[in-house]
Amino acid sequence: MTTNPLISPLRPDTWRIDDGGVRFFLLCGTERALLIDSGMTVRDAKEIAQGLTSLPVSLLNTHADRDHTGSNDEFDAFYMHPDEEPVFRKNGHGGTILPVRGGDVIDLGNRPLTVVELPGHTPGSIGVYDEQNRVLISGDPIQQNGNIFMFGEHRNLARYIESLENLLPMLEKVDEIWPSHADLPVYPAVVPALIEGARKILGGELRGEPVDMHGRTVHRVDLGVTGMLIE
């Protein structure tokens, strides 16, 4: 099913595209454009992007969960951390993965974007740092007033905490964080709060309340800034 997403400009060269409960982004430089994720129910994200810019459009996935890869089949190749490939293929997708890792730079033409590794929510979760605009596009690991999914076989809470701790020194260069879910923008102060809450979960201090998630009972823990769903 193809939906009609809500398209909103964030800057003259940047758009957010809201597809139900998830959003993805289109960033333009002087030479090319980059979609960051490809939606959940849409199957025409590339076509949508081409309606917003005349530049050639590439795709980067923050991770391989289904709500971020809805239009991937429009692309022959796309950027993704290689640790996401097992889940991506299990979900039935083809195409060529162009592997990216932390520190890699994708230059759109006078707009360098740096890949930031954020494993934990998934093994190869990544964010994108837009140096020119001092924005971190974070995917799922950073949220405010939402629910971070940390239940299931490929979630790893210890790695999640380590990822956010490694991110702390970078935050002095970040003015805004743009997550894939819930509030946008959020601000760097949310990251220490997420670390603190996740540490309490890992240490057994927080267990949360049982909730139904698509027929599965999980626990929602209130971290103050957002919820986290755990086993």
Protein backbone atom coordinates (compact mmCIF):
# COMPACT_ATOMS: atom_id res chain seq x y z
CA MET A 1 0.00 0.00 0.00
CA THR A 2 1.27 3.44 -0.91
CA THR A 3 0.32 6.31 1.36
CA ASN A 4 0.38 10.05 0.87
CA PRO A 5 3.10 11.27 3.24
CA LEU A 6 3.27 14.76 4.65
CA ILE A 7 6.18 16.72 3.18
CA SER A 8 7.51 19.75 5.08
CA PRO A 9 10.59 21.92 4.40
CA LEU A 10 13.04 22.21 7.29
CA ARG A 11 15.42 24.45 5.35
CA PRO A 12 15.51 25.55 1.71
CA ASP A 13 17.62 22.47 0.89
CA THR A 14 16.13 19.99 3.41
CA TRP A 15 12.76 18.27 3.84
CA ARG A 16 11.12 15.99 6.36
CA ILE A 17 8.74 13.39 4.96
CA ASP A 18 6.31 11.96 7.51
CA ASP A 19 4.92 8.52 6.75
CA GLY A 20 2.57 7.65 9.58
CA GLY A 21 4.59 7.14 12.75
CA VAL A 22 8.00 7.44 11.12
CA ARG A 23 9.77 10.18 9.20
CA PHE A 24 12.61 10.29 6.73
CA PHE A 25 14.61 13.14 5.26
CA LEU A 26 15.83 14.58 1.97
CA LEU A 27 19.06 16.61 2.07
CA CYS A 28 20.42 18.47 -0.96
CA GLY A 29 23.88 19.79 -1.73
CA THR A 30 25.09 21.49 -4.88
CA GLU A 31 25.77 18.22 -6.75
CA ARG A 32 23.41 15.56 -5.43
CA ALA A 33 20.72 14.74 -2.91
CA LEU A 34 20.47 12.08 -0.21
CA LEU A 35 17.38 10.40 1.18
CA ILE A 36 17.95 9.29 4.75
CA ASP A 37 15.70 6.22 5.03
CA SER A 38 12.90 5.40 2.63
CA GLY A 39 9.72 5.27 4.68
CA MET A 40 7.40 2.64 6.06
CA THR A 41 4.32 2.25 3.84
CA VAL A 42 5.44 4.40 0.91
CA ARG A 43 6.87 2.63 -2.11
CA ASP A 44 7.76 5.76 -4.06
CA ALA A 45 10.18 7.72 -1.87
CA LYS A 46 12.60 8.17 -4.76
CA GLU A 47 9.81 9.57 -6.91
CA ILE A 48 8.80 11.89 -4.08
CA ALA A 49 12.39 13.12 -3.76
CA GLN A 50 12.68 13.68 -7.50
CA GLY A 51 9.62 15.89 -7.26
CA LEU A 52 11.47 18.12 -4.79
CA THR A 53 14.87 18.38 -6.50
CA SER A 54 16.41 18.02 -9.95
CA LEU A 55 19.61 16.60 -8.42
CA PRO A 56 20.43 12.89 -8.63
CA VAL A 57 19.10 11.14 -5.51
CA SER A 58 20.94 8.51 -3.46
CA LEU A 59 19.71 6.63 -0.39
CA LEU A 60 21.20 5.93 3.05
CA ASN A 61 19.46 3.74 5.63
CA THR A 62 19.98 4.46 9.32
CA HIS A 63 19.14 0.80 9.92
CA ALA A 64 17.20 -2.07 8.37
CA ASP A 65 13.98 -2.20 10.39
CA ARG A 66 10.95 -2.42 8.09
CA ASP A 67 9.65 1.05 8.88
CA HIS A 68 12.84 2.58 7.43
CA THR A 69 13.17 0.58 4.21
CA GLY A 70 9.75 0.81 2.57
CA SER A 71 11.02 2.22 -0.74
CA ASN A 72 14.46 0.61 -0.84
CA ASP A 73 13.49 -1.50 -3.84
CA GLU A 74 13.38 1.70 -5.92
CA PHE A 75 17.16 1.88 -5.60
CA ASP A 76 19.72 -0.49 -7.12
CA ALA A 77 22.25 0.46 -4.42
CA PHE A 78 22.18 2.34 -1.14
CA TYR A 79 24.38 3.19 1.82
CA MET A 80 23.98 1.03 4.92
CA HIS A 81 26.18 -0.29 7.71
CA PRO A 82 27.13 -3.87 6.81
CA ASP A 83 25.98 -5.20 10.20
CA GLU A 84 22.41 -4.48 9.06
CA GLU A 85 22.55 -6.85 6.10
CA PRO A 86 21.29 -10.03 7.85
CA VAL A 87 18.03 -8.38 8.98
CA PHE A 88 17.69 -6.48 5.69
CA ARG A 89 17.92 -9.67 3.63
CA LYS A 90 15.69 -11.57 6.06
CA ASN A 91 13.03 -8.94 5.37
CA GLY A 92 13.16 -9.89 1.69
CA HIS A 93 15.09 -6.99 0.19
CA GLY A 94 17.55 -7.14 -2.69
CA GLY A 95 19.87 -4.46 -3.99
CA THR A 96 23.51 -3.66 -3.42
CA ILE A 97 24.63 -2.41 -0.04
CA LEU A 98 27.28 0.30 -0.22
CA PRO A 99 28.92 -0.21 3.19
CA VAL A 100 29.46 2.82 5.41
CA ARG A 101 31.00 3.03 8.86
CA GLY A 102 31.59 5.67 11.48
CA GLY A 103 33.71 8.55 10.20
CA ASP A 104 32.87 8.02 6.53
CA VAL A 105 31.92 11.24 4.75
CA ILE A 106 29.29 11.55 2.03
CA ASP A 107 29.68 14.93 0.33
CA LEU A 108 26.60 16.16 -1.49
CA GLY A 109 28.55 19.12 -2.87
CA ASN A 110 29.42 21.81 -0.33
CA ARG A 111 27.50 19.77 2.23
CA PRO A 112 29.60 17.04 3.87
CA LEU A 113 27.69 14.45 5.90
CA THR A 114 29.58 12.31 8.42
CA VAL A 115 28.39 8.83 9.39
CA VAL A 116 28.09 8.26 13.16
CA GLU A 117 27.82 4.72 14.52
CA LEU A 118 25.01 4.22 17.06
CA PRO A 119 24.67 0.44 17.55
CA GLY A 120 22.40 -1.03 20.18
CA HIS A 121 18.89 -0.47 18.85
CA THR A 122 20.17 -2.59 15.96
CA PRO A 123 23.70 -3.92 15.36
CA GLY A 124 24.49 -1.41 12.63
CA SER A 125 22.39 1.63 13.52
CA ILE A 126 23.96 4.83 12.24
CA GLY A 127 23.27 8.54 12.33
CA VAL A 128 24.30 11.31 9.97
CA TYR A 129 25.99 14.51 11.15
CA ASP A 130 25.31 17.53 8.96
CA GLU A 131 28.28 19.67 9.90
CA GLN A 132 27.15 22.72 7.96
CA ASN A 133 23.87 22.92 9.87
CA ARG A 134 25.08 21.42 13.18
CA VAL A 135 22.34 18.78 13.00
CA LEU A 136 22.52 15.09 13.91
CA ILE A 137 19.97 12.89 12.13
CA SER A 138 19.79 10.04 14.61
CA GLY A 139 17.43 7.33 13.38
CA ASP A 140 15.79 5.51 16.29
CA PRO A 141 18.25 5.51 19.25
CA ILE A 142 17.51 9.10 20.32
CA GLN A 143 13.91 10.15 20.91
CA GLN A 144 11.79 12.40 23.07
CA ASN A 145 8.16 11.67 23.98
CA GLY A 146 8.20 8.43 22.01
CA ASN A 147 9.06 4.78 22.60
CA ILE A 148 12.50 3.38 21.78
CA PHE A 149 12.22 -0.28 20.84
CA MET A 150 14.77 -2.31 22.81
CA PHE A 151 13.08 -5.73 22.80
CA GLY A 152 13.79 -8.51 20.35
CA GLU A 153 16.73 -10.60 19.28
CA HIS A 154 18.95 -7.94 17.72
CA ARG A 155 18.66 -5.27 20.44
CA ASN A 156 21.58 -4.77 22.83
CA LEU A 157 21.13 -2.39 25.73
CA ALA A 158 24.79 -2.43 26.81
CA ARG A 159 25.91 -1.44 23.30
CA TYR A 160 23.18 1.21 23.22
CA ILE A 161 24.57 2.83 26.36
CA GLU A 162 28.12 2.64 25.01
CA SER A 163 27.02 4.27 21.74
CA LEU A 164 25.43 7.23 23.48
CA GLU A 165 28.41 7.61 25.82
CA ASN A 166 30.70 7.72 22.78
CA LEU A 167 28.46 10.39 21.29
CA LEU A 168 28.76 12.78 24.26
CA PRO A 169 32.00 14.56 23.17
CA MET A 170 30.47 15.30 19.77
CA LEU A 171 27.39 17.00 21.17
CA GLU A 172 29.15 20.33 21.62
CA LYS A 173 29.05 20.54 17.81
CA VAL A 174 25.32 19.72 17.63
CA ASP A 175 22.51 22.25 17.95
CA GLU A 176 19.60 19.98 17.04
CA ILE A 177 18.91 16.25 16.80
CA TRP A 178 16.36 15.00 14.27
CA PRO A 179 15.00 11.55 15.22
CA SER A 180 12.92 9.28 13.03
CA HIS A 181 10.06 9.15 15.56
CA ALA A 182 8.26 11.40 18.05
CA ASP A 183 9.40 15.00 18.70
CA LEU A 184 11.45 16.98 16.19
CA PRO A 185 13.74 18.65 16.89
CA VAL A 186 15.19 17.42 20.16
CA TYR A 187 18.25 18.85 21.82
CA PRO A 188 21.56 17.38 23.00
CA ALA A 189 20.54 17.42 26.68
CA VAL A 190 18.25 14.45 25.99
CA VAL A 191 21.25 12.14 25.46
CA PRO A 192 22.57 12.10 29.06
CA ALA A 193 19.00 11.46 30.25
CA LEU A 194 18.72 8.46 27.92
CA ILE A 195 22.05 7.11 29.17
CA GLU A 196 21.00 7.45 32.80
CA GLY A 197 17.67 5.73 32.22
CA ALA A 198 19.19 2.90 30.19
CA ARG A 199 21.81 2.30 32.88
CA LYS A 200 19.03 1.95 35.46
CA ILE A 201 17.26 -0.59 33.28
CA LEU A 202 20.48 -2.57 32.80
CA GLY A 203 21.12 -2.45 36.55
CA GLY A 204 17.64 -3.71 37.37
CA GLU A 205 16.46 -0.47 38.97
CA LEU A 206 13.69 0.05 36.41
CA ARG A 207 11.36 -2.60 35.01
CA GLY A 208 8.37 -0.66 33.71
CA GLU A 209 4.78 -1.67 33.13
CA PRO A 210 3.57 -4.46 30.84
CA VAL A 211 2.02 -3.34 27.56
CA ASP A 212 0.80 -5.18 24.48
CA MET A 213 2.88 -4.68 21.35
CA HIS A 214 1.25 -6.36 18.36
CA GLY A 215 0.21 -9.37 20.44
CA ARG A 216 3.45 -9.54 22.38
CA THR A 217 3.76 -8.48 26.02
CA VAL A 218 6.71 -6.15 26.64
CA HIS A 219 7.46 -3.60 29.35
CA ARG A 220 7.36 0.17 28.88
CA VAL A 221 9.84 2.00 31.07
CA ASP A 222 9.36 5.74 31.56
CA LEU A 223 12.79 7.39 31.27
CA GLY A 224 11.38 10.87 31.85
CA VAL A 225 12.30 12.14 28.39
CA THR A 226 10.80 9.17 26.54
CA GLY A 227 9.65 5.60 26.92
CA MET A 228 11.74 2.50 26.27
CA LEU A 229 10.18 -0.86 25.41
CA ILE A 230 12.06 -3.86 26.82
CA GLU A 231 11.33 -7.56 27.38
